[in-house]
Amino acid sequence: MEYLLHHLLINSAAQHPEKEAVRMEGRALTYGQLNRLTSQVARVLRSVGVGRGDRVGIYLHKSLGSVISVFGIMKAGAAYVPLDPKAPTRRLAYITGDCGIQVLLTSPKKLADLAGFVAEGTPLKTAVLTEDNPEPLNGVPEQIRVVRWSEVIAGEEAEPSPGPTIETDLAYLLYTSGSTGVPKGVMISHRTIFTFVNWCHDTFGMTPADRVTSHAPLHFDLSTFDLYATIKAGGTTVLVPENLSTLPVQLADLLQNERITITYLVPSILSLMVNYGKLAAHDFSALRAILFAGEVFPIKYLRRLAEAIPHVAYYNLYGPTETNVCTYYRVQAEDLAPERTQPVPIGQACENVEVFAVNEQGQLVTEPGQEGELWARGSCVAQGYWGDREKTARFFIQNPFQPLYPDIAYRTGDVVTLAQDRKNWVYVGRRDHMIKTRGYRVELGEIESVLYRHEQVKEAAVVAIPDDLLGNRIRAYVVPAEGSALTPKELETFCVGQLPKYMVPERIEFRDVLPKTSSGKTDRVALLAGTGGQAKPKPVAHQV
């Protein structure tokens, strides 16, 4: 019986022990090997004190080791917490401390970074390596015990005892951008993600013959399809090296050479492939489905992609991290008509999920043209935000249309309307300052908070400028303190040390003042229009 995510691996290993489960750059693990290694990791984790409900960090670049870590942690009864290996140490130390990570899995090359974690006062005690390292372990803080990979694989290979974990226990936490200037941890249970995995398996007709790319990093919720739906089907997950995100020709090569059947990518990556991937020179005959999510796909690039690869099915998947995917839409031929200028709809609710829109009067949206905030209910809804009851209570709310028993629904903050067919939902925009860039969800307030941390910044405002390729470009307007010698380049360097790369403003402009609305708030509309705020005689701008 499958009700925990690692059951998917155990069952597929029993059915297909010699079949490739995961591969990357010519290296592969069969289902049998992956199952045995994850059992060994689970035993080591339990031996160092990891138990049911504990949070265990994964501080790794995409690799076979990262997949081993995911299933090893869950087999130990714990929840995994992916740490972006490219993020500033301070941010990662905050996450580690916030959810109480005492043990993490990492690589020898990342060990030296842990000194920064310790300096921030995190509870970290143990680091388990996921690859061999014959060299001495230098630079590791005294407080941290290191378990070598050789110790892991010397352990018993048999499946560890299942333990008391049940489907409502947490499987993982994903930290997303927070409006208060700090990340927030979205809690996902096994039951919650199983709803999505089962739906994907059935909707896309997945089989052991499928070869599926894994492009998204573990800290991005798109990764859950790549791993779990594929492993449930007994297919092969092909890990995409991180550097291929900006190399569209090489990414197209991978789809061709690995005979990929299904790929799930953000529109900005697909748009880059359309523009620079030389698609006509590639053989995509094995490909049968392209899924996209994370941001709006400009229709002109979707149209060109469908022209270049006409035989595949295209699906628009929608949903915030708090619901993973809650609606979907299969692109139709008429959607790609030359005269169309609007993006395709976000579609209808997935199976075992209900979505509805509520207008400003608290009434259901029932007619095309009416706008309202999209809500989602069902087992797809996350368990809330780690350690933040107040924020959880604001977004995870009793369904106002079901007063008879507890029924939690999630307010997405996305404004939608019904399409003319009265079946599909159409995305309109965000209620708040949350935007999407390069497939990542970013809260502009978090970037402003970091800018304000600089002692020479007097005022700051961050705006998003729509971009067909990236979704949005981020621009910051800053009023420096009187007499300050601060430069945009220095401020950008400061941001690089505080934020993930995708959140660093691409352009920072200095102003004497920022425009204000009649209520005294910063007038972001005026900033976007370029009409508010008097620039310095020689405007200073930095283009990253």
Protein backbone atom coordinates (compact mmCIF):
# COMPACT_ATOMS: atom_id res chain seq x y z
CA MET A 1 0.00 0.00 0.00
CA GLU A 2 1.37 3.42 -1.00
CA TYR A 3 0.74 6.31 1.35
CA LEU A 4 4.25 7.68 2.00
CA LEU A 5 6.47 9.06 -0.75
CA HIS A 6 9.29 6.57 -0.23
CA HIS A 7 6.79 3.73 -0.74
CA LEU A 8 6.90 4.74 -4.41
CA LEU A 9 10.60 3.91 -4.56
CA ILE A 10 10.27 0.69 -2.55
CA ASN A 11 7.50 -0.60 -4.81
CA SER A 12 9.20 0.34 -8.08
CA ALA A 13 12.45 -1.22 -6.83
CA ALA A 14 10.56 -4.47 -6.21
CA GLN A 15 9.10 -4.42 -9.73
CA HIS A 16 12.08 -3.04 -11.70
CA PRO A 17 15.26 -3.63 -9.65
CA GLU A 18 17.62 -3.48 -12.65
CA LYS A 19 15.97 -0.56 -14.44
CA GLU A 20 17.59 2.87 -14.33
CA ALA A 21 15.82 5.05 -11.79
CA VAL A 22 17.92 8.21 -12.04
CA ARG A 23 20.82 9.32 -14.20
CA MET A 24 23.01 12.38 -14.67
CA GLU A 25 25.85 13.07 -17.07
CA GLY A 26 26.46 9.41 -17.89
CA ARG A 27 26.18 8.10 -14.31
CA ALA A 28 23.09 6.19 -13.19
CA LEU A 29 21.52 4.29 -10.34
CA THR A 30 19.10 1.42 -10.84
CA TYR A 31 15.98 1.17 -8.72
CA GLY A 32 17.61 -1.59 -6.71
CA GLN A 33 20.74 0.47 -6.06
CA LEU A 34 18.80 3.61 -5.18
CA ASN A 35 16.58 1.70 -2.78
CA ARG A 36 19.54 0.09 -1.01
CA LEU A 37 21.53 3.33 -0.72
CA THR A 38 18.57 5.25 0.66
CA SER A 39 18.03 2.53 3.26
CA GLN A 40 21.67 2.87 4.33
CA VAL A 41 21.28 6.65 4.63
CA ALA A 42 18.12 6.20 6.69
CA ARG A 43 19.91 3.88 9.12
CA VAL A 44 22.75 6.37 9.58
CA LEU A 45 20.31 9.21 10.17
CA ARG A 46 18.48 7.20 12.80
CA SER A 47 21.81 6.32 14.43
CA VAL A 48 22.61 10.02 14.92
CA GLY A 49 19.26 10.70 16.51
CA VAL A 50 16.96 11.60 13.59
CA GLY A 51 13.40 10.51 14.21
CA ARG A 52 9.81 11.03 13.16
CA GLY A 53 9.01 14.63 12.37
CA ASP A 54 12.60 15.94 12.55
CA ARG A 55 13.76 18.30 9.84
CA VAL A 56 16.91 17.29 7.94
CA GLY A 57 18.64 19.67 5.56
CA ILE A 58 19.89 18.91 2.05
CA TYR A 59 22.76 21.24 1.17
CA LEU A 60 23.77 19.91 -2.24
CA HIS A 61 23.89 20.86 -5.86
CA LYS A 62 21.71 18.70 -8.09
CA SER A 63 23.26 15.24 -8.16
CA LEU A 64 22.58 11.56 -7.63
CA GLY A 65 23.40 12.30 -4.01
CA SER A 66 20.56 14.80 -3.72
CA VAL A 67 18.04 12.16 -4.84
CA ILE A 68 19.51 9.62 -2.42
CA SER A 69 19.20 12.22 0.34
CA VAL A 70 15.52 12.91 -0.29
CA PHE A 71 14.42 9.29 0.04
CA GLY A 72 16.90 8.47 2.79
CA ILE A 73 15.53 11.27 4.95
CA MET A 74 11.93 10.22 4.44
CA LYS A 75 12.74 6.56 5.13
CA ALA A 76 14.16 7.73 8.48
CA GLY A 77 10.74 9.24 9.24
CA ALA A 78 11.94 12.83 8.90
CA ALA A 79 11.04 15.75 6.61
CA TYR A 80 13.64 17.09 4.19
CA VAL A 81 14.44 20.78 3.84
CA PRO A 82 16.24 21.71 0.60
CA LEU A 83 18.79 24.51 1.05
CA ASP A 84 19.64 26.44 -2.10
CA PRO A 85 23.40 25.84 -2.50
CA LYS A 86 23.74 29.19 -4.27
CA ALA A 87 21.99 31.26 -1.61
CA PRO A 88 23.89 33.45 0.89
CA THR A 89 24.99 31.68 4.05
CA ARG A 90 23.02 34.10 6.21
CA ARG A 91 19.76 33.15 4.52
CA LEU A 92 20.50 29.45 4.81
CA ALA A 93 21.51 29.83 8.45
CA TYR A 94 18.18 31.53 9.12
CA ILE A 95 16.29 28.62 7.55
CA THR A 96 18.39 26.09 9.46
CA GLY A 97 17.66 27.84 12.75
CA ASP A 98 14.02 28.55 11.97
CA CYS A 99 13.02 24.90 11.54
CA GLY A 100 15.62 23.44 13.90
CA ILE A 101 17.83 21.50 11.50
CA GLN A 102 20.40 19.55 13.52
CA VAL A 103 21.50 17.18 10.75
CA LEU A 104 22.08 17.82 7.06
CA LEU A 105 23.37 15.92 4.06
CA THR A 106 26.02 17.66 2.02
CA SER A 107 29.15 17.22 -0.12
CA PRO A 108 32.79 17.55 0.96
CA LYS A 109 33.08 20.79 -1.03
CA LYS A 110 30.29 22.38 1.00
CA LEU A 111 31.65 21.50 4.43
CA ALA A 112 33.65 24.70 4.78
CA ASP A 113 30.43 26.73 4.39
CA LEU A 114 29.09 25.28 7.62
CA ALA A 115 31.33 27.62 9.62
CA GLY A 116 28.97 30.39 8.54
CA PHE A 117 25.99 28.39 9.79
CA VAL A 118 27.61 27.92 13.18
CA ALA A 119 28.57 31.61 13.36
CA GLU A 120 24.87 32.47 13.05
CA GLY A 121 24.03 30.28 16.03
CA THR A 122 22.21 27.46 14.22
CA PRO A 123 21.47 24.15 16.01
CA LEU A 124 23.46 22.17 13.40
CA LYS A 125 25.33 19.19 14.94
CA THR A 126 25.93 16.58 12.23
CA ALA A 127 26.83 16.58 8.52
CA VAL A 128 26.44 13.37 6.50
CA LEU A 129 28.44 13.26 3.27
CA THR A 130 26.88 11.89 0.09
CA GLU A 131 30.10 11.11 -1.78
CA ASP A 132 33.60 9.84 -1.10
CA ASN A 133 36.27 12.20 0.20
CA PRO A 134 39.65 10.60 0.86
CA GLU A 135 41.24 13.94 1.77
CA PRO A 136 41.34 15.34 5.33
CA LEU A 137 38.23 17.27 6.31
CA ASN A 138 39.52 20.80 6.79
CA GLY A 139 37.61 23.85 7.90
CA VAL A 140 34.79 21.96 9.63
CA PRO A 141 33.62 23.60 12.88
CA GLU A 142 34.39 21.59 15.99
CA GLN A 143 30.69 21.49 16.91
CA ILE A 144 29.80 19.49 13.81
CA ARG A 145 30.32 15.76 13.56
CA VAL A 146 30.99 14.54 10.03
CA VAL A 147 29.81 11.10 8.86
CA ARG A 148 31.75 10.02 5.78
CA TRP A 149 30.10 8.32 2.81
CA SER A 150 32.25 5.25 3.40
CA GLU A 151 30.55 4.87 6.80
CA VAL A 152 27.14 5.17 5.17
CA ILE A 153 27.65 2.47 2.54
CA ALA A 154 29.28 0.13 5.06
CA GLY A 155 25.94 -0.20 6.81
CA GLU A 156 23.20 -2.77 6.36
CA GLU A 157 21.40 -2.61 3.00
CA ALA A 158 18.09 -4.13 4.11
CA GLU A 159 15.01 -1.93 4.34
CA PRO A 160 14.91 -0.25 7.78
CA SER A 161 11.87 -0.77 9.98
CA PRO A 162 9.04 1.42 8.69
CA GLY A 163 8.55 3.36 11.90
CA PRO A 164 5.40 5.19 12.97
CA THR A 165 5.19 7.74 10.10
CA ILE A 166 1.73 8.25 8.62
CA GLU A 167 0.41 10.19 5.63
CA THR A 168 -0.36 13.36 7.58
CA ASP A 169 3.24 13.69 8.80
CA LEU A 170 5.45 16.19 6.98
CA ALA A 171 7.40 15.03 3.94
CA TYR A 172 9.26 18.30 3.33
CA LEU A 173 9.43 22.04 3.92
CA LEU A 174 10.01 24.48 1.06
CA TYR A 175 11.10 27.97 2.03
CA THR A 176 9.74 30.73 -0.19
CA SER A 177 10.19 34.50 -0.25
CA GLY A 178 8.50 36.26 2.68
CA SER A 179 6.88 39.71 2.81
CA THR A 180 8.48 40.51 6.19
CA GLY A 181 11.99 40.20 4.83
CA VAL A 182 12.57 36.61 5.92
CA PRO A 183 11.75 33.34 4.12
CA LYS A 184 8.72 31.32 5.20
CA GLY A 185 8.60 27.53 5.31
CA VAL A 186 5.68 25.89 3.53
CA MET A 187 4.84 22.58 5.23
CA ILE A 188 3.87 19.70 2.93
CA SER A 189 2.68 16.34 4.22
CA HIS A 190 2.93 13.00 2.43
CA ARG A 191 -0.83 13.03 1.88
CA THR A 192 -0.71 16.51 0.37
CA ILE A 193 1.88 15.70 -2.28
CA PHE A 194 0.36 12.27 -2.99
CA THR A 195 -2.72 14.03 -4.36
CA PHE A 196 -0.51 15.72 -6.95
CA VAL A 197 1.63 12.68 -7.74
CA ASN A 198 -1.37 10.40 -8.32
CA TRP A 199 -3.02 13.00 -10.51
CA CYS A 200 0.12 13.44 -12.63
CA HIS A 201 0.62 9.70 -13.03
CA ASP A 202 -2.92 9.21 -14.31
CA THR A 203 -3.37 12.43 -16.29
CA PHE A 204 -0.16 12.09 -18.27
CA GLY A 205 -0.42 8.32 -18.65
CA MET A 206 3.04 7.73 -17.21
CA THR A 207 4.69 4.32 -17.68
CA PRO A 208 8.08 2.65 -17.09
CA ALA A 209 9.03 3.71 -20.63
CA ASP A 210 8.99 7.40 -19.71
CA ARG A 211 12.21 9.36 -19.43
CA VAL A 212 11.56 12.61 -17.58
CA THR A 213 13.85 15.59 -17.07
CA SER A 214 14.49 16.97 -13.60
CA HIS A 215 15.36 20.58 -14.26
CA ALA A 216 14.01 22.36 -11.18
CA PRO A 217 16.15 22.49 -8.02
CA LEU A 218 14.86 20.67 -4.96
CA HIS A 219 13.88 23.93 -3.25
CA PHE A 220 11.48 24.64 -6.16
CA ASP A 221 8.17 22.72 -6.07
CA LEU A 222 8.36 21.75 -9.75
CA SER A 223 10.93 19.16 -8.67
CA THR A 224 8.23 17.03 -7.03
CA PHE A 225 6.77 15.98 -10.37
CA ASP A 226 10.18 15.13 -11.79
CA LEU A 227 11.02 12.77 -8.95
CA TYR A 228 7.87 11.29 -7.49
CA ALA A 229 5.54 10.90 -10.46
CA THR A 230 8.37 9.38 -12.50
CA ILE A 231 9.41 6.95 -9.77
CA LYS A 232 5.78 5.95 -9.16
CA ALA A 233 5.61 5.02 -12.86
CA GLY A 234 8.92 3.15 -12.77
CA GLY A 235 10.37 5.55 -15.32
CA THR A 236 13.80 7.18 -15.47
CA THR A 237 14.51 10.62 -14.04
CA VAL A 238 17.24 12.45 -15.97
CA LEU A 239 18.81 15.16 -13.82
CA VAL A 240 19.62 18.31 -15.76
CA PRO A 241 22.92 19.94 -14.74
CA GLU A 242 22.36 23.36 -13.21
CA ASN A 243 24.48 25.21 -15.78
CA LEU A 244 22.22 24.08 -18.64
CA SER A 245 19.53 26.54 -17.49
CA THR A 246 21.32 29.29 -19.39
CA LEU A 247 22.53 27.12 -22.27
CA PRO A 248 19.47 26.51 -24.46
CA VAL A 249 21.28 24.59 -27.21
CA GLN A 250 22.81 22.18 -24.72
CA LEU A 251 19.44 21.75 -23.03
CA ALA A 252 17.90 20.90 -26.40
CA ASP A 253 20.77 18.45 -26.94
CA LEU A 254 19.93 16.74 -23.67
CA LEU A 255 16.24 16.37 -24.60
CA GLN A 256 17.33 14.81 -27.89
CA ASN A 257 20.20 12.59 -26.76
CA GLU A 258 18.49 11.26 -23.63
CA ARG A 259 15.33 10.51 -25.62
CA ILE A 260 13.22 12.48 -23.14
CA THR A 261 9.48 11.76 -23.28
CA ILE A 262 8.19 14.37 -20.78
CA THR A 263 9.77 17.64 -19.68
CA TYR A 264 8.50 20.13 -17.10
CA LEU A 265 10.04 23.59 -17.36
CA VAL A 266 9.33 27.19 -16.51
CA PRO A 267 8.27 29.36 -19.48
CA SER A 268 11.38 31.54 -19.30
CA ILE A 269 13.58 28.50 -20.01
CA LEU A 270 11.29 27.37 -22.83
CA SER A 271 11.34 30.89 -24.26
CA LEU A 272 15.14 30.86 -24.27
CA MET A 273 15.05 27.54 -26.11
CA VAL A 274 12.65 29.01 -28.67
CA ASN A 275 14.92 31.98 -29.30
CA TYR A 276 18.35 30.41 -29.03
CA GLY A 277 18.01 26.62 -28.86
CA LYS A 278 18.18 25.82 -32.60
CA LEU A 279 15.16 23.58 -32.18
CA ALA A 280 14.78 22.84 -35.89
CA ALA A 281 18.17 21.12 -35.88
CA HIS A 282 17.17 18.66 -33.16
CA ASP A 283 15.28 15.36 -33.11
CA PHE A 284 12.53 15.44 -30.49
CA SER A 285 10.63 12.42 -31.82
CA ALA A 286 10.65 10.73 -28.39
CA LEU A 287 9.08 13.74 -26.68
CA ARG A 288 5.35 13.42 -26.05
CA ALA A 289 4.49 16.12 -23.50
CA ILE A 290 5.81 19.52 -22.47
CA LEU A 291 4.51 20.84 -19.16
CA PHE A 292 5.09 24.42 -18.06
CA ALA A 293 4.38 26.31 -14.85
CA GLY A 294 5.71 28.94 -12.50
CA GLU A 295 4.91 32.04 -14.54
CA VAL A 296 2.88 33.27 -17.50
CA PHE A 297 4.06 31.85 -20.85
CA PRO A 298 4.00 34.65 -23.48
CA ILE A 299 1.73 33.37 -26.23
CA LYS A 300 4.15 34.37 -29.00
CA TYR A 301 6.80 32.05 -27.60
CA LEU A 302 4.36 29.22 -26.89
CA ARG A 303 3.15 29.52 -30.48
CA ARG A 304 6.70 29.32 -31.84
CA LEU A 305 7.51 26.36 -29.59
CA ALA A 306 4.44 24.47 -30.84
CA GLU A 307 5.44 25.23 -34.42
CA ALA A 308 8.94 23.87 -33.79
CA ILE A 309 7.75 20.76 -31.91
CA PRO A 310 4.20 20.23 -33.20
CA HIS A 311 3.57 16.60 -32.24
CA VAL A 312 3.64 16.94 -28.44
CA ALA A 313 0.89 17.77 -25.95
CA TYR A 314 1.33 21.08 -24.11
CA TYR A 315 -0.02 21.63 -20.60
CA ASN A 316 -0.16 24.80 -18.53
CA LEU A 317 0.01 23.84 -14.83
CA TYR A 318 -0.87 26.42 -12.20
CA GLY A 319 -0.53 26.58 -8.45
CA PRO A 320 1.49 28.24 -5.67
CA THR A 321 3.86 26.24 -3.48
CA GLU A 322 1.08 26.05 -0.88
CA THR A 323 -0.99 23.85 -3.23
CA ASN A 324 1.66 22.65 -5.68
CA VAL A 325 -0.54 22.35 -8.80
CA CYS A 326 -4.26 22.93 -8.39
CA THR A 327 -5.40 23.71 -11.97
CA TYR A 328 -4.25 22.68 -15.43
CA TYR A 329 -5.02 23.39 -19.05
CA ARG A 330 -4.19 21.40 -22.17
CA VAL A 331 -3.32 23.79 -24.97
CA GLN A 332 -5.62 23.52 -27.99
CA ALA A 333 -4.85 24.29 -31.62
CA GLU A 334 -7.17 27.31 -31.59
CA ASP A 335 -5.18 28.77 -28.67
CA LEU A 336 -2.23 29.19 -31.00
CA ALA A 337 -4.03 31.19 -33.68
CA PRO A 338 -1.88 34.05 -35.04
CA GLU A 339 -4.34 36.70 -33.90
CA ARG A 340 -4.29 35.61 -30.26
CA THR A 341 -2.39 37.93 -27.93
CA GLN A 342 -3.49 36.68 -24.49
CA PRO A 343 -1.79 33.81 -22.63
CA VAL A 344 -3.66 30.51 -22.40
CA PRO A 345 -5.94 29.94 -19.38
CA ILE A 346 -4.76 28.30 -16.18
CA GLY A 347 -7.64 25.89 -16.70
CA GLN A 348 -9.75 23.71 -14.46
CA ALA A 349 -9.17 22.08 -11.10
CA CYS A 350 -7.11 18.92 -10.96
CA GLU A 351 -8.84 15.76 -9.77
CA ASN A 352 -9.55 15.65 -6.02
CA VAL A 353 -9.11 19.43 -5.86
CA GLU A 354 -11.68 22.24 -5.88
CA VAL A 355 -10.92 25.83 -6.79
CA PHE A 356 -13.25 28.82 -6.64
CA ALA A 357 -12.91 32.59 -6.85
CA VAL A 358 -14.25 35.07 -4.32
CA ASN A 359 -14.90 38.71 -5.21
CA GLU A 360 -14.38 41.73 -2.94
CA GLN A 361 -17.92 41.34 -1.59
CA GLY A 362 -17.18 37.79 -0.45
CA GLN A 363 -19.33 36.24 -3.17
CA LEU A 364 -18.44 33.47 -5.59
CA VAL A 365 -17.41 34.45 -9.10
CA THR A 366 -19.84 32.74 -11.45
CA GLU A 367 -19.77 34.76 -14.67
CA PRO A 368 -17.08 35.54 -17.26
CA GLY A 369 -15.64 39.02 -16.76
CA GLN A 370 -16.13 39.00 -13.00
CA GLU A 371 -12.87 39.03 -11.05
CA GLY A 372 -12.02 37.46 -7.73
CA GLU A 373 -9.26 35.90 -5.69
CA LEU A 374 -8.67 32.22 -6.38
CA TRP A 375 -9.03 29.83 -3.44
CA ALA A 376 -8.15 26.12 -3.38
CA ARG A 377 -9.41 23.37 -1.09
CA GLY A 378 -8.74 19.67 -0.70
CA SER A 379 -5.88 17.43 0.32
CA CYS A 380 -3.62 19.43 -2.02
CA VAL A 381 -3.50 22.29 0.50
CA ALA A 382 -0.32 22.60 2.58
CA GLN A 383 -0.28 22.40 6.36
CA GLY A 384 0.65 26.06 6.76
CA TYR A 385 3.85 27.99 7.47
CA TRP A 386 6.42 26.56 9.84
CA GLY A 387 6.38 28.33 13.18
CA ASP A 388 4.10 31.15 12.02
CA ARG A 389 0.58 30.68 13.31
CA GLU A 390 -0.43 34.25 12.51
CA LYS A 391 0.51 34.06 8.85
CA THR A 392 -0.95 30.58 8.55
CA ALA A 393 -4.25 31.86 9.95
CA ARG A 394 -4.33 34.66 7.34
CA PHE A 395 -3.95 32.44 4.32
CA PHE A 396 -5.22 29.00 5.38
CA ILE A 397 -8.84 29.74 6.24
CA GLN A 398 -12.04 27.91 7.02
CA ASN A 399 -13.98 27.59 3.77
CA PRO A 400 -16.64 30.34 4.09
CA PHE A 401 -19.04 28.28 1.99
CA GLN A 402 -18.82 25.19 4.22
CA PRO A 403 -19.94 26.02 7.78
CA LEU A 404 -20.79 22.47 8.88
CA TYR A 405 -17.31 21.07 9.61
CA PRO A 406 -13.62 22.09 9.46
CA ASP A 407 -12.58 22.60 5.84
CA ILE A 408 -9.40 24.59 5.30
CA ALA A 409 -8.96 26.45 2.00
CA TYR A 410 -5.92 28.39 0.81
CA ARG A 411 -6.18 31.97 -0.43
CA THR A 412 -3.73 32.17 -3.32
CA GLY A 413 -3.66 35.97 -3.63
CA ASP A 414 -4.05 35.55 -7.41
CA VAL A 415 -6.86 37.37 -9.18
CA VAL A 416 -8.69 35.36 -11.84
CA THR A 417 -11.80 35.44 -13.96
CA LEU A 418 -13.83 32.81 -15.78
CA ALA A 419 -13.22 32.24 -19.47
CA GLN A 420 -16.16 32.53 -21.85
CA ASP A 421 -16.62 28.76 -21.73
CA ARG A 422 -17.40 29.11 -17.98
CA LYS A 423 -15.14 26.12 -17.31
CA ASN A 424 -11.60 27.44 -17.36
CA TRP A 425 -10.02 30.07 -15.17
CA VAL A 426 -7.96 32.92 -16.62
CA TYR A 427 -5.13 34.46 -14.61
CA VAL A 428 -5.39 38.25 -14.19
CA GLY A 429 -2.61 39.17 -11.74
CA ARG A 430 -1.45 39.37 -8.12
CA ARG A 431 -3.15 41.23 -5.30
CA ASP A 432 0.09 41.97 -3.52
CA HIS A 433 3.70 42.56 -4.46
CA MET A 434 4.45 38.91 -5.14
CA ILE A 435 5.81 38.40 -8.64
CA LYS A 436 7.38 35.65 -10.70
CA THR A 437 10.82 35.94 -12.27
CA ARG A 438 12.68 33.09 -13.99
CA GLY A 439 10.05 30.74 -12.59
CA TYR A 440 10.69 31.75 -8.97
CA ARG A 441 8.12 33.40 -6.77
CA VAL A 442 9.54 36.57 -5.26
CA GLU A 443 8.09 38.93 -2.68
CA LEU A 444 9.32 42.42 -3.57
CA GLY A 445 9.00 43.42 0.08
CA GLU A 446 11.78 41.00 1.00
CA ILE A 447 14.16 42.72 -1.42
CA GLU A 448 13.20 46.12 -0.02
CA SER A 449 13.85 44.84 3.47
CA VAL A 450 17.38 43.83 2.47
CA LEU A 451 18.02 47.21 0.86
CA TYR A 452 16.91 48.93 4.03
CA ARG A 453 19.42 46.89 5.98
CA HIS A 454 22.21 48.94 4.41
CA GLU A 455 22.99 51.79 6.76
CA GLN A 456 23.37 54.29 3.91
CA VAL A 457 19.96 53.60 2.34
CA LYS A 458 17.32 56.14 3.28
CA GLU A 459 14.41 54.94 1.15
CA ALA A 460 13.94 52.03 -1.20
CA ALA A 461 11.25 50.73 -3.52
CA VAL A 462 11.36 47.67 -5.73
CA VAL A 463 9.20 47.24 -8.80
CA ALA A 464 8.71 44.48 -11.33
CA ILE A 465 8.93 45.26 -15.03
CA PRO A 466 7.12 42.69 -17.24
CA ASP A 467 9.46 40.80 -19.53
CA ASP A 468 8.44 38.24 -22.14
CA LEU A 469 11.45 36.03 -21.52
CA LEU A 470 11.88 36.17 -17.75
CA GLY A 471 8.36 36.93 -16.55
CA ASN A 472 9.54 40.04 -14.73
CA ARG A 473 12.74 42.02 -14.31
CA ILE A 474 13.43 43.51 -10.90
CA ARG A 475 14.40 47.17 -10.56
CA ALA A 476 15.19 49.03 -7.36
CA TYR A 477 14.89 52.77 -6.70
CA VAL A 478 16.93 54.03 -3.78
CA VAL A 479 17.32 57.33 -1.95
CA PRO A 480 20.74 57.26 -0.26
CA ALA A 481 21.42 58.99 3.05
CA GLU A 482 22.55 62.61 2.91
CA GLY A 483 26.24 62.92 2.16
CA SER A 484 26.54 59.22 1.35
CA ALA A 485 29.23 58.04 -1.06
CA LEU A 486 27.38 54.78 -1.69
CA THR A 487 27.29 53.61 -5.31
CA PRO A 488 24.81 51.30 -7.06
CA LYS A 489 27.59 48.76 -7.59
CA GLU A 490 28.35 48.67 -3.86
CA LEU A 491 24.66 48.26 -3.06
CA GLU A 492 24.36 45.43 -5.58
CA THR A 493 27.32 43.66 -3.93
CA PHE A 494 25.55 44.06 -0.58
CA CYS A 495 22.40 42.44 -2.02
CA VAL A 496 24.39 39.53 -3.46
CA GLY A 497 25.48 38.69 0.07
CA GLN A 498 21.91 38.74 1.37
CA LEU A 499 19.71 37.35 -1.41
CA PRO A 500 19.61 34.49 -3.93
CA LYS A 501 20.86 35.57 -7.33
CA TYR A 502 17.39 35.58 -8.89
CA MET A 503 16.22 38.15 -6.31
CA VAL A 504 19.06 40.65 -6.78
CA PRO A 505 17.74 43.73 -8.66
CA GLU A 506 18.97 43.84 -12.23
CA ARG A 507 19.12 47.59 -12.06
CA ILE A 508 19.51 49.99 -9.13
CA GLU A 509 18.77 53.66 -9.64
CA PHE A 510 19.50 56.42 -7.13
CA ARG A 511 16.95 59.19 -6.68
CA ASP A 512 16.73 62.38 -4.60
CA VAL A 513 13.17 61.46 -3.60
CA LEU A 514 10.65 58.73 -4.28
CA PRO A 515 7.17 59.70 -5.48
CA LYS A 516 4.32 59.35 -3.00
CA THR A 517 0.60 58.80 -3.30
CA SER A 518 -1.93 61.01 -1.51
CA SER A 519 -1.89 58.59 1.41
CA GLY A 520 1.87 58.95 1.79
CA LYS A 521 2.77 55.56 0.35
CA THR A 522 5.45 55.13 -2.29
CA ASP A 523 3.84 55.57 -5.70
CA ARG A 524 5.02 52.47 -7.55
CA VAL A 525 2.81 53.22 -10.53
CA ALA A 526 4.65 56.50 -11.00
CA LEU A 527 7.99 54.72 -10.71
CA LEU A 528 6.97 52.24 -13.37
CA ALA A 529 5.76 55.03 -15.61
CA GLY A 530 8.99 56.93 -15.09
CA THR A 531 7.08 60.12 -14.20
CA GLY A 532 7.58 60.35 -10.45
CA GLY A 533 10.59 61.37 -8.42
CA GLN A 534 13.18 63.74 -9.57
CA ALA A 535 16.33 62.04 -10.70
CA LYS A 536 19.77 63.41 -9.94
CA PRO A 537 21.23 65.68 -12.66
CA LYS A 538 23.28 62.70 -13.82
CA PRO A 539 21.17 59.64 -13.02
CA VAL A 540 23.19 56.78 -11.66
CA ALA A 541 22.05 53.35 -12.82
CA HIS A 542 23.70 49.99 -12.67
CA GLN A 543 22.86 47.28 -15.15
CA VAL A 544 23.73 43.80 -13.95
